[in-house]
C-alpha atoms as a PDB file:
ATOM      1  CA  MET A   1     110.509  98.622  71.148  1.00  0.00           C
ATOM      2  CA  ALA A   2     108.878  95.577  69.653  1.00  0.00           C
ATOM      3  CA  ARG A   3     105.508  95.950  67.973  1.00  0.00           C
ATOM      4  CA  ILE A   4     103.065  93.248  69.005  1.00  0.00           C
ATOM      5  CA  THR A   5      99.787  92.887  67.143  1.00  0.00           C
ATOM      6  CA  VAL A   6      96.647  91.068  68.157  1.00  0.00           C
ATOM      7  CA  GLU A   7      97.064  88.843  65.099  1.00  0.00           C
ATOM      8  CA  ASP A   8     100.504  87.740  66.351  1.00  0.00           C
ATOM      9  CA  CYS A   9      98.969  86.673  69.636  1.00  0.00           C
ATOM     10  CA  LEU A  10      95.848  85.062  68.127  1.00  0.00           C
ATOM     11  CA  GLU A  11      98.067  82.467  66.455  1.00  0.00           C
ATOM     12  CA  ASN A  12      98.663  80.993  69.925  1.00  0.00           C
ATOM     13  CA  VAL A  13      95.269  81.512  71.605  1.00  0.00           C
ATOM     14  CA  ASP A  14      91.700  80.643  70.601  1.00  0.00           C
ATOM     15  CA  ASN A  15      90.010  84.045  70.654  1.00  0.00           C
ATOM     16  CA  ARG A  16      90.334  87.667  71.708  1.00  0.00           C
ATOM     17  CA  PHE A  17      88.589  87.140  75.032  1.00  0.00           C
ATOM     18  CA  GLU A  18      91.074  84.442  75.980  1.00  0.00           C
ATOM     19  CA  LEU A  19      93.892  86.717  74.816  1.00  0.00           C
ATOM     20  CA  VAL A  20      92.717  89.451  77.187  1.00  0.00           C
ATOM     21  CA  MET A  21      92.382  86.981  80.079  1.00  0.00           C
ATOM     22  CA  ILE A  22      95.823  85.428  79.532  1.00  0.00           C
ATOM     23  CA  GLY A  23      97.499  88.782  78.921  1.00  0.00           C
ATOM     24  CA  SER A  24      96.058  90.407  82.031  1.00  0.00           C
ATOM     25  CA  LYS A  25      96.872  87.410  84.224  1.00  0.00           C
ATOM     26  CA  ARG A  26     100.460  87.253  82.958  1.00  0.00           C
ATOM     27  CA  ALA A  27     100.959  91.026  83.228  1.00  0.00           C
ATOM     28  CA  ARG A  28      99.742  90.872  86.827  1.00  0.00           C
ATOM     29  CA  GLN A  29     102.164  88.024  87.524  1.00  0.00           C
ATOM     30  CA  LEU A  30     105.029  90.101  86.140  1.00  0.00           C
ATOM     31  CA  ALA A  31     104.091  93.380  87.830  1.00  0.00           C
ATOM     32  CA  VAL A  32     102.698  92.342  91.202  1.00  0.00           C
ATOM     33  CA  GLU A  33     103.929  88.841  91.922  1.00  0.00           C
ATOM     34  CA  GLY A  34     107.454  89.493  90.683  1.00  0.00           C
ATOM     35  CA  ARG A  35     107.598  86.582  88.256  1.00  0.00           C
ATOM     36  CA  VAL A  36     110.521  86.405  85.848  1.00  0.00           C
ATOM     37  CA  ALA A  37     109.881  87.414  82.249  1.00  0.00           C
ATOM     38  CA  LEU A  38     110.318  84.672  79.647  1.00  0.00           C
ATOM     39  CA  VAL A  39     111.453  87.137  76.974  1.00  0.00           C
ATOM     40  CA  PRO A  40     113.873  90.088  77.222  1.00  0.00           C
ATOM     41  CA  GLU A  41     112.061  92.979  78.900  1.00  0.00           C
ATOM     42  CA  GLU A  42     113.749  95.781  76.894  1.00  0.00           C
ATOM     43  CA  ASN A  43     112.262  98.468  79.206  1.00  0.00           C
ATOM     44  CA  ASP A  44     108.723  97.461  78.187  1.00  0.00           C
ATOM     45  CA  LYS A  45     105.771  97.599  80.546  1.00  0.00           C
ATOM     46  CA  PRO A  46     104.410  94.328  81.959  1.00  0.00           C
ATOM     47  CA  THR A  47     101.455  94.291  79.546  1.00  0.00           C
ATOM     48  CA  VAL A  48     103.727  94.506  76.510  1.00  0.00           C
ATOM     49  CA  VAL A  49     106.054  91.837  77.911  1.00  0.00           C
ATOM     50  CA  ALA A  50     103.033  89.591  78.538  1.00  0.00           C
ATOM     51  CA  LEU A  51     101.810  90.024  74.953  1.00  0.00           C
ATOM     52  CA  ARG A  52     105.301  89.331  73.604  1.00  0.00           C
ATOM     53  CA  GLU A  53     105.386  86.124  75.658  1.00  0.00           C
ATOM     54  CA  ILE A  54     101.990  85.070  74.265  1.00  0.00           C
ATOM     55  CA  ALA A  55     103.040  85.862  70.694  1.00  0.00           C
ATOM     56  CA  GLY A  56     106.247  83.881  71.215  1.00  0.00           C
ATOM     57  CA  GLY A  57     104.311  80.851  72.453  1.00  0.00           C
ATOM     58  CA  HIS A  58     105.876  80.964  75.931  1.00  0.00           C
ATOM     59  CA  VAL A  59     102.558  81.499  77.744  1.00  0.00           C
ATOM     60  CA  ASN A  60      99.216  79.834  77.034  1.00  0.00           C
ATOM     61  CA  ALA A  61      95.789  79.368  78.619  1.00  0.00           C
ATOM     62  CA  SER A  62      97.178  76.975  81.235  1.00  0.00           C
ATOM     63  CA  ILE A  63      98.037  79.950  83.478  1.00  0.00           C
ATOM     64  CA  LEU A  64      94.295  80.591  83.861  1.00  0.00           C
ATOM     65  CA  SER A  65      93.763  77.277  85.654  1.00  0.00           C
ATOM     66  CA  PRO A  66      93.740  77.662  89.419  1.00  0.00           C
ATOM     67  CA  VAL A  67      96.566  75.900  91.176  1.00  0.00           C
ATOM     68  CA  LYS A  68      95.311  73.590  93.892  1.00  0.00           C
ATOM     69  CA  GLN A  69      97.083  74.325  97.133  1.00  0.00           C
ATOM     70  CA  ASN A  70      96.754  72.106 100.165  1.00  0.00           C
ATOM     71  CA  PHE A  71      96.212  74.237 103.248  1.00  0.00           C
ATOM     72  CA  ALA A  72      94.280  71.692 105.309  1.00  0.00           C
ATOM     73  CA  LEU A  73      95.426  71.312 108.882  1.00  0.00           C
ATOM     74  CA  ASP A  74      95.492  67.781 110.252  1.00  0.00           C
ATOM     75  CA  GLY A  75      95.128  68.624 113.920  1.00  0.00           C
ATOM     76  CA  ASP A  76      95.680  71.356 116.406  1.00  0.00           C
ATOM     77  CA  VAL A  77      97.800  74.220 115.166  1.00  0.00           C
ATOM     78  CA  GLY A  78      99.721  74.207 118.441  1.00  0.00           C
ATOM     79  CA  GLU A  79     100.899  70.636 117.976  1.00  0.00           C
ATOM     80  CA  ILE A  80     104.338  70.057 116.522  1.00  0.00           C
ATOM     81  CA  SER A  81     104.276  67.855 113.465  1.00  0.00           C
ATOM     82  CA  GLU A  82     106.467  64.808 113.227  1.00  0.00           C
ATOM     83  CA  GLU A  83     108.150  66.329 110.183  1.00  0.00           C
ATOM     84  CA  SER A  84     109.608  69.206 112.238  1.00  0.00           C
ATOM     85  CA  THR A  85     113.329  69.290 112.572  1.00  0.00           C
ATOM     86  CA  GLY A  86     115.259  69.800 115.781  1.00  0.00           C
ATOM     87  CA  ALA A  87     116.079  73.375 114.790  1.00  0.00           C
ATOM     88  CA  GLU A  88     112.398  74.226 114.425  1.00  0.00           C
ATOM     89  CA  ILE A  89     111.643  72.745 117.842  1.00  0.00           C
ATOM     90  CA  ASP A  90     114.529  74.701 119.408  1.00  0.00           C
ATOM     91  CA  LEU A  91     113.291  77.944 117.855  1.00  0.00           C
ATOM     92  CA  GLU A  92     109.781  77.276 119.098  1.00  0.00           C
ATOM     93  CA  ALA A  93     111.076  76.575 122.612  1.00  0.00           C
ATOM     94  CA  GLU A  94     113.095  79.806 122.578  1.00  0.00           C
ATOM     95  CA  ALA A  95     110.060  81.750 121.405  1.00  0.00           C
ATOM     96  CA  ASP A  96     107.894  80.200 124.121  1.00  0.00           C
ATOM     97  CA  ALA A  97     110.500  81.095 126.763  1.00  0.00           C
ATOM     98  CA  ALA A  98     110.717  84.679 125.494  1.00  0.00           C
ATOM     99  CA  ILE A  99     106.931  85.038 125.545  1.00  0.00           C
ATOM    100  CA  ALA A 100     106.750  83.604 129.077  1.00  0.00           C
ATOM    101  CA  ALA A 101     109.455  86.023 130.272  1.00  0.00           C
ATOM    102  CA  ALA A 102     107.654  88.967 128.700  1.00  0.00           C
ATOM    103  CA  LEU A 103     104.358  87.972 130.311  1.00  0.00           C
ATOM    104  CA  GLU A 104     106.065  87.626 133.703  1.00  0.00           C
ATOM    105  CA  ALA A 105     107.587  91.087 133.299  1.00  0.00           C
ATOM    106  CA  LEU A 106     104.202  92.571 132.394  1.00  0.00           C
ATOM    107  CA  ALA A 107     102.586  90.882 135.390  1.00  0.00           C
ATOM    108  CA  GLY A 108     105.104  92.552 137.698  1.00  0.00           C
ATOM    109  CA  ASN A 109     107.073  89.415 138.435  1.00  0.00           C
ATOM    110  CA  ASP A 110     110.270  90.673 136.899  1.00  0.00           C
ATOM    111  CA  LEU A 111     113.004  88.132 136.788  1.00  0.00           C
ATOM    112  CA  LEU A 112     115.582  90.880 136.426  1.00  0.00           C
ATOM    113  CA  ASP A 113     117.534  92.020 139.495  1.00  0.00           C
ATOM    114  CA  VAL A 114     117.125  95.728 138.862  1.00  0.00           C
ATOM    115  CA  PRO A 115     116.448  97.875 141.933  1.00  0.00           C
ATOM    116  CA  PRO A 116     113.554 100.299 141.558  1.00  0.00           C
ATOM    117  CA  VAL A 117     114.434 103.956 141.143  1.00  0.00           C
ATOM    118  CA  GLU A 118     112.832 105.962 143.942  1.00  0.00           C
ATOM    119  CA  ASN A 119     114.440 109.380 143.943  1.00  0.00           C
ATOM    120  CA  ILE A 120     115.383 111.032 140.709  1.00  0.00           C
ATOM    121  CA  SER A 121     117.064 114.402 140.795  1.00  0.00           C
ATOM    122  CA  VAL A 122     116.203 116.708 137.927  1.00  0.00           C
ATOM    123  CA  ASN A 123     117.858 119.965 137.049  1.00  0.00           C
ATOM    124  CA  GLU A 124     114.959 122.394 137.288  1.00  0.00           C
ATOM    125  CA  GLU A 125     116.555 124.826 134.880  1.00  0.00           C
ATOM    126  CA  GLU A 126     116.327 122.245 132.102  1.00  0.00           C
ATOM    127  CA  PHE A 127     113.025 120.733 133.251  1.00  0.00           C
ATOM    128  CA  PRO A 128     110.889 123.207 135.216  1.00  0.00           C
ATOM    129  CA  ARG A 129     108.157 121.765 137.460  1.00  0.00           C
ATOM    130  CA  SER A 130     105.377 123.917 136.081  1.00  0.00           C
ATOM    131  CA  TYR A 131     104.627 125.070 132.618  1.00  0.00           C
ATOM    132  CA  GLU A 132     105.660 128.623 132.027  1.00  0.00           C
ATOM    133  CA  PRO A 133     105.356 130.171 128.579  1.00  0.00           C
ATOM    134  CA  SER A 134     108.672 131.215 127.155  1.00  0.00           C
ATOM    135  CA  PRO A 135     109.284 134.956 126.753  1.00  0.00           C
ATOM    136  CA  ASP A 136     109.718 134.574 122.979  1.00  0.00           C
END
C-alpha cells in the first residue's frame, strides 16, 4: 500500500482546497463513472488512487472544468436527420410497425387469426368453483 501525503500532492496543485476538489472529482470518476485508473490500483480505494494520480502528475485542475456538450435539437425530434443511415431508418420503421400492431391489438382489431375461446373445461377437483377452506 503506497503512502500518499498532502505534500506529495501539493507539488502538482496550487492549494489544499484545489487538492480536495480535484481528488474528490477524480475519485468520483473512478468509483461511479467507471473511468480507468492512470496508475496501478493495487487494491486501493478510489480516493487513494485519485491522490496517487495527483501526486504522480497524471491529473490536474483541468478535470474541474465543465465539458461543453451540445444537446441542442435542430428541429422536431420525430424528424429523421439527414445523417441517419439506412439501418437506423429500417430499425425505426420496424419499431413503428411493431407499435402500430400493438395499438391495433389493444384496440380490439387483432390482425392475428386466432379464434376466440368460448368454452373452457376445468377439472373441478383441481380448481373448485367456490372457495372452501382446506381441512388442514
